[in-house]
Amino acid sequence: QVQPVESGGGLVQPGGSLRLSCAASETIFSSNTMGWYRQAPGNERELVAAIIAGDRIHYADSVKGRFTISKDNNRSTMYLQMNRLKPEDTAVYYCTIKDPSYDKHYWGQGTQVTVSS
């Protein structure tokens, strides 16, 4: 299976936390570039956080200080820890991993995150 698989989404109250996971095969997880995007209804897909070239971390301004991206190479899994969630964080969250050898990206199917009281 080439497509990454996300999990961990759900319904949470404002101020709460969730941790998303993105599991992939060892082959594509050897990539040094991967990240999380999100898409809310009526909006374009936007970059949330990324690991670039193995060691550079990028966050969207809207999530800085609240979200943390990380990866566990032993488990071939990437994570997005989301704290102090806000209603505007509601979206479908997608993980993406760049192929380690070719100029293409693999996308997960998405996981819904809903922040509401």
N, C-alpha and C. Protein backbone atom coordinates (compact mmCIF):
# COMPACT_ATOMS: atom_id res chain seq x y z
N GLN A 1 0.86 -1.20 0.00
CA GLN A 1 0.00 0.00 0.00
C GLN A 1 0.89 1.24 0.00
N VAL A 2 0.61 2.13 -0.96
CA VAL A 2 1.40 3.33 -1.09
C VAL A 2 0.74 4.51 -0.37
N GLN A 3 -0.57 4.56 -0.40
CA GLN A 3 -1.27 5.70 0.17
C GLN A 3 -1.11 5.74 1.69
N PRO A 4 -0.69 6.90 2.23
CA PRO A 4 -0.64 7.03 3.69
C PRO A 4 -2.05 6.95 4.27
N VAL A 5 -2.13 6.60 5.54
CA VAL A 5 -3.42 6.46 6.21
C VAL A 5 -3.44 7.33 7.46
N GLU A 6 -4.38 8.29 7.49
CA GLU A 6 -4.52 9.16 8.66
C GLU A 6 -5.49 8.55 9.66
N SER A 7 -5.33 8.95 10.91
CA SER A 7 -6.26 8.59 11.96
C SER A 7 -6.16 9.63 13.07
N GLY A 8 -7.14 9.60 13.97
CA GLY A 8 -7.07 10.47 15.14
C GLY A 8 -8.00 11.66 15.13
N GLY A 9 -8.72 11.85 14.03
CA GLY A 9 -9.65 12.97 14.00
C GLY A 9 -10.86 12.71 14.88
N GLY A 10 -11.69 13.74 15.03
CA GLY A 10 -12.89 13.59 15.83
C GLY A 10 -13.48 14.92 16.22
N LEU A 11 -14.40 14.87 17.18
CA LEU A 11 -15.07 16.07 17.69
C LEU A 11 -14.44 16.45 19.03
N VAL A 12 -14.08 17.71 19.16
CA VAL A 12 -13.45 18.18 20.40
C VAL A 12 -13.96 19.57 20.71
N GLN A 13 -14.02 19.90 21.98
CA GLN A 13 -14.48 21.24 22.39
C GLN A 13 -13.36 22.26 22.19
N PRO A 14 -13.72 23.51 22.01
CA PRO A 14 -12.68 24.56 21.94
C PRO A 14 -11.76 24.51 23.15
N GLY A 15 -10.48 24.66 22.89
CA GLY A 15 -9.48 24.56 23.95
C GLY A 15 -8.93 23.17 24.14
N GLY A 16 -9.55 22.19 23.52
CA GLY A 16 -9.12 20.81 23.67
C GLY A 16 -7.96 20.45 22.76
N SER A 17 -7.60 19.17 22.80
CA SER A 17 -6.46 18.67 22.04
C SER A 17 -6.82 17.41 21.27
N LEU A 18 -6.11 17.20 20.18
CA LEU A 18 -6.18 15.97 19.40
C LEU A 18 -4.79 15.68 18.86
N ARG A 19 -4.52 14.40 18.62
CA ARG A 19 -3.28 14.03 17.94
C ARG A 19 -3.63 13.21 16.71
N LEU A 20 -3.23 13.72 15.57
CA LEU A 20 -3.43 13.00 14.32
C LEU A 20 -2.20 12.15 14.02
N SER A 21 -2.44 11.00 13.40
CA SER A 21 -1.36 10.12 12.99
C SER A 21 -1.44 9.87 11.50
N CYS A 22 -0.30 9.66 10.88
CA CYS A 22 -0.23 9.35 9.45
C CYS A 22 0.75 8.20 9.29
N ALA A 23 0.22 7.01 9.01
CA ALA A 23 1.05 5.82 8.86
C ALA A 23 1.32 5.57 7.39
N ALA A 24 2.56 5.19 7.09
CA ALA A 24 2.94 4.95 5.70
C ALA A 24 3.90 3.77 5.62
N SER A 25 4.13 3.31 4.40
CA SER A 25 5.09 2.22 4.22
C SER A 25 6.49 2.72 4.50
N GLU A 26 7.36 1.79 4.85
CA GLU A 26 8.74 2.17 5.13
C GLU A 26 9.39 2.81 3.91
N THR A 27 9.02 2.35 2.74
CA THR A 27 9.64 2.84 1.51
C THR A 27 9.42 4.33 1.33
N ILE A 28 8.16 4.76 1.40
CA ILE A 28 7.92 6.18 1.16
C ILE A 28 8.22 7.00 2.41
N PHE A 29 8.19 6.37 3.58
CA PHE A 29 8.48 7.14 4.79
C PHE A 29 9.94 7.50 4.88
N SER A 30 10.78 6.92 4.05
CA SER A 30 12.18 7.33 4.02
C SER A 30 12.35 8.72 3.41
N SER A 31 11.27 9.27 2.91
CA SER A 31 11.29 10.63 2.38
C SER A 31 11.71 11.62 3.47
N ASN A 32 12.30 12.73 3.06
CA ASN A 32 12.66 13.75 4.04
C ASN A 32 11.75 14.97 3.98
N THR A 33 10.67 14.83 3.22
CA THR A 33 9.73 15.93 3.11
C THR A 33 8.31 15.39 3.24
N MET A 34 7.59 15.88 4.23
CA MET A 34 6.23 15.43 4.49
C MET A 34 5.50 16.50 5.27
N GLY A 35 4.18 16.43 5.29
CA GLY A 35 3.46 17.46 6.01
C GLY A 35 1.98 17.19 6.13
N TRP A 36 1.30 18.18 6.73
CA TRP A 36 -0.14 18.14 6.94
C TRP A 36 -0.78 19.34 6.27
N TYR A 37 -1.88 19.09 5.58
CA TYR A 37 -2.72 20.13 5.00
C TYR A 37 -4.11 19.99 5.62
N ARG A 38 -4.90 21.02 5.43
CA ARG A 38 -6.31 20.95 5.84
C ARG A 38 -7.17 21.70 4.85
N GLN A 39 -8.43 21.29 4.80
CA GLN A 39 -9.39 21.96 3.91
C GLN A 39 -10.73 22.05 4.61
N ALA A 40 -11.16 23.29 4.82
CA ALA A 40 -12.46 23.54 5.40
C ALA A 40 -13.48 23.74 4.27
N PRO A 41 -14.76 23.52 4.54
CA PRO A 41 -15.78 23.68 3.50
C PRO A 41 -15.72 25.06 2.86
N GLY A 42 -15.68 25.09 1.53
CA GLY A 42 -15.66 26.35 0.82
C GLY A 42 -14.30 26.99 0.71
N ASN A 43 -13.30 26.38 1.33
CA ASN A 43 -11.94 26.93 1.30
C ASN A 43 -11.01 26.05 0.50
N GLU A 44 -9.89 26.64 0.08
CA GLU A 44 -8.87 25.85 -0.58
C GLU A 44 -8.05 25.07 0.46
N ARG A 45 -7.42 24.02 -0.01
CA ARG A 45 -6.55 23.25 0.87
C ARG A 45 -5.35 24.12 1.25
N GLU A 46 -5.00 24.12 2.54
CA GLU A 46 -3.90 24.96 2.99
C GLU A 46 -2.89 24.14 3.78
N LEU A 47 -1.63 24.55 3.70
CA LEU A 47 -0.57 23.89 4.44
C LEU A 47 -0.67 24.26 5.91
N VAL A 48 -0.60 23.26 6.77
CA VAL A 48 -0.65 23.47 8.21
C VAL A 48 0.75 23.38 8.80
N ALA A 49 1.45 22.31 8.48
CA ALA A 49 2.80 22.10 9.04
C ALA A 49 3.56 21.15 8.13
N ALA A 50 4.88 21.30 8.10
CA ALA A 50 5.66 20.44 7.23
C ALA A 50 7.06 20.23 7.79
N ILE A 51 7.62 19.08 7.48
CA ILE A 51 9.04 18.79 7.71
C ILE A 51 9.67 18.79 6.32
N ILE A 52 10.65 19.67 6.14
CA ILE A 52 11.22 19.90 4.82
C ILE A 52 12.70 19.51 4.83
N ALA A 53 13.08 18.73 3.87
CA ALA A 53 14.49 18.32 3.73
C ALA A 53 15.03 17.73 5.04
N GLY A 54 14.20 17.04 5.76
CA GLY A 54 14.63 16.30 6.94
C GLY A 54 14.67 17.04 8.24
N ASP A 55 14.96 18.36 8.19
CA ASP A 55 15.15 19.02 9.48
C ASP A 55 14.53 20.41 9.59
N ARG A 56 14.03 20.95 8.52
CA ARG A 56 13.36 22.26 8.61
C ARG A 56 11.89 22.04 8.89
N ILE A 57 11.39 22.78 9.86
CA ILE A 57 9.99 22.69 10.25
C ILE A 57 9.30 23.99 9.87
N HIS A 58 8.13 23.85 9.26
CA HIS A 58 7.34 25.04 8.88
C HIS A 58 5.95 24.89 9.45
N TYR A 59 5.44 25.99 10.00
CA TYR A 59 4.06 26.04 10.48
C TYR A 59 3.34 27.22 9.86
N ALA A 60 2.07 27.02 9.57
CA ALA A 60 1.24 28.15 9.19
C ALA A 60 1.13 29.09 10.38
N ASP A 61 1.05 30.39 10.11
CA ASP A 61 0.97 31.36 11.21
C ASP A 61 -0.21 31.08 12.13
N SER A 62 -1.29 30.59 11.58
CA SER A 62 -2.50 30.39 12.36
C SER A 62 -2.38 29.27 13.40
N VAL A 63 -1.35 28.41 13.27
CA VAL A 63 -1.22 27.29 14.20
C VAL A 63 0.07 27.34 15.02
N LYS A 64 0.92 28.31 14.74
CA LYS A 64 2.19 28.41 15.48
C LYS A 64 1.94 28.51 16.97
N GLY A 65 2.70 27.74 17.73
CA GLY A 65 2.55 27.74 19.18
C GLY A 65 1.46 26.82 19.70
N ARG A 66 0.64 26.29 18.80
CA ARG A 66 -0.45 25.39 19.21
C ARG A 66 -0.29 23.99 18.66
N PHE A 67 0.23 23.87 17.45
CA PHE A 67 0.39 22.58 16.78
C PHE A 67 1.87 22.20 16.74
N THR A 68 2.13 20.87 16.80
CA THR A 68 3.49 20.38 16.69
C THR A 68 3.52 19.18 15.75
N ILE A 69 4.39 19.25 14.76
CA ILE A 69 4.57 18.15 13.83
C ILE A 69 5.79 17.34 14.26
N SER A 70 5.68 16.01 14.13
CA SER A 70 6.79 15.15 14.49
C SER A 70 6.67 13.85 13.72
N LYS A 71 7.72 13.04 13.78
CA LYS A 71 7.66 11.73 13.11
C LYS A 71 8.47 10.72 13.89
N ASP A 72 8.05 9.48 13.77
CA ASP A 72 8.73 8.35 14.39
C ASP A 72 9.17 7.42 13.26
N ASN A 73 10.44 7.45 12.95
CA ASN A 73 10.93 6.65 11.83
C ASN A 73 10.79 5.15 12.10
N ASN A 74 10.89 4.76 13.36
CA ASN A 74 10.77 3.34 13.69
C ASN A 74 9.37 2.81 13.41
N ARG A 75 8.39 3.68 13.55
CA ARG A 75 6.99 3.29 13.31
C ARG A 75 6.50 3.75 11.94
N SER A 76 7.34 4.44 11.18
CA SER A 76 6.94 4.99 9.86
C SER A 76 5.64 5.79 10.00
N THR A 77 5.60 6.62 11.00
CA THR A 77 4.38 7.37 11.31
C THR A 77 4.73 8.83 11.60
N MET A 78 3.92 9.71 11.04
CA MET A 78 4.04 11.14 11.29
C MET A 78 2.86 11.57 12.17
N TYR A 79 3.09 12.58 12.99
CA TYR A 79 2.05 13.03 13.92
C TYR A 79 1.80 14.52 13.78
N LEU A 80 0.61 14.93 14.18
CA LEU A 80 0.31 16.35 14.35
C LEU A 80 -0.41 16.49 15.68
N GLN A 81 0.31 17.02 16.66
CA GLN A 81 -0.29 17.29 17.96
C GLN A 81 -0.94 18.65 17.91
N MET A 82 -2.22 18.71 18.17
CA MET A 82 -2.98 19.94 18.08
C MET A 82 -3.53 20.30 19.45
N ASN A 83 -3.07 21.41 19.99
CA ASN A 83 -3.51 21.88 21.31
C ASN A 83 -4.26 23.20 21.18
N ARG A 84 -5.01 23.54 22.21
CA ARG A 84 -5.78 24.80 22.25
C ARG A 84 -6.56 24.98 20.95
N LEU A 85 -7.29 23.97 20.59
CA LEU A 85 -8.02 23.99 19.33
C LEU A 85 -9.11 25.05 19.33
N LYS A 86 -9.33 25.61 18.15
CA LYS A 86 -10.32 26.65 17.95
C LYS A 86 -11.35 26.18 16.92
N PRO A 87 -12.54 26.76 16.94
CA PRO A 87 -13.54 26.38 15.93
C PRO A 87 -13.02 26.55 14.50
N GLU A 88 -12.16 27.53 14.28
CA GLU A 88 -11.65 27.74 12.92
C GLU A 88 -10.63 26.68 12.50
N ASP A 89 -10.26 25.79 13.40
CA ASP A 89 -9.41 24.66 13.02
C ASP A 89 -10.22 23.51 12.42
N THR A 90 -11.53 23.64 12.44
CA THR A 90 -12.39 22.61 11.87
C THR A 90 -12.12 22.44 10.39
N ALA A 91 -11.81 21.23 9.98
CA ALA A 91 -11.47 20.94 8.59
C ALA A 91 -11.21 19.45 8.43
N VAL A 92 -11.06 19.03 7.19
CA VAL A 92 -10.52 17.70 6.92
C VAL A 92 -9.00 17.86 6.82
N TYR A 93 -8.29 17.06 7.57
CA TYR A 93 -6.84 17.12 7.61
C TYR A 93 -6.25 15.97 6.79
N TYR A 94 -5.29 16.34 5.94
CA TYR A 94 -4.65 15.38 5.05
C TYR A 94 -3.15 15.33 5.34
N CYS A 95 -2.59 14.15 5.31
CA CYS A 95 -1.13 14.07 5.35
C CYS A 95 -0.62 13.82 3.93
N THR A 96 0.57 14.28 3.68
CA THR A 96 1.19 14.09 2.39
C THR A 96 2.68 13.80 2.57
N ILE A 97 3.18 12.91 1.75
CA ILE A 97 4.59 12.52 1.82
C ILE A 97 5.16 12.55 0.41
N LYS A 98 6.28 13.23 0.27
CA LYS A 98 6.92 13.28 -1.04
C LYS A 98 7.65 11.98 -1.30
N ASP A 99 7.51 11.45 -2.48
CA ASP A 99 8.24 10.25 -2.85
C ASP A 99 9.74 10.50 -2.70
N PRO A 100 10.47 9.58 -2.05
CA PRO A 100 11.90 9.82 -1.82
C PRO A 100 12.74 9.89 -3.09
N SER A 101 12.21 9.35 -4.20
CA SER A 101 13.01 9.28 -5.41
C SER A 101 12.46 10.10 -6.57
N TYR A 102 11.15 10.36 -6.56
CA TYR A 102 10.54 11.02 -7.70
C TYR A 102 9.78 12.28 -7.25
N ASP A 103 9.50 13.13 -8.21
CA ASP A 103 8.83 14.38 -7.91
C ASP A 103 7.32 14.17 -7.89
N LYS A 104 6.85 13.43 -6.92
CA LYS A 104 5.42 13.26 -6.73
C LYS A 104 5.15 13.07 -5.25
N HIS A 105 3.88 13.31 -4.90
CA HIS A 105 3.47 13.23 -3.51
C HIS A 105 2.36 12.21 -3.33
N TYR A 106 2.37 11.57 -2.19
CA TYR A 106 1.31 10.64 -1.82
C TYR A 106 0.41 11.32 -0.79
N TRP A 107 -0.89 11.17 -0.95
CA TRP A 107 -1.87 11.80 -0.07
C TRP A 107 -2.70 10.76 0.63
N GLY A 108 -3.00 11.03 1.90
CA GLY A 108 -3.95 10.20 2.61
C GLY A 108 -5.37 10.54 2.24
N GLN A 109 -6.32 9.80 2.81
CA GLN A 109 -7.73 9.99 2.46
C GLN A 109 -8.36 11.12 3.27
N GLY A 110 -7.68 11.58 4.29
CA GLY A 110 -8.18 12.67 5.11
C GLY A 110 -8.89 12.18 6.37
N THR A 111 -8.83 13.01 7.41
CA THR A 111 -9.55 12.72 8.66
C THR A 111 -10.21 14.01 9.14
N GLN A 112 -11.47 13.90 9.54
CA GLN A 112 -12.25 15.08 9.91
C GLN A 112 -11.92 15.50 11.34
N VAL A 113 -11.65 16.78 11.50
CA VAL A 113 -11.49 17.39 12.82
C VAL A 113 -12.57 18.45 12.96
N THR A 114 -13.37 18.33 14.00
CA THR A 114 -14.44 19.29 14.27
C THR A 114 -14.26 19.85 15.67
N VAL A 115 -14.15 21.17 15.75
CA VAL A 115 -14.00 21.85 17.04
C VAL A 115 -15.27 22.64 17.31
N SER A 116 -16.03 22.17 18.27
CA SER A 116 -17.33 22.78 18.54
C SER A 116 -17.76 22.47 19.96
N SER A 117 -18.49 23.41 20.55
CA SER A 117 -19.05 23.18 21.87
C SER A 117 -20.48 22.67 21.77
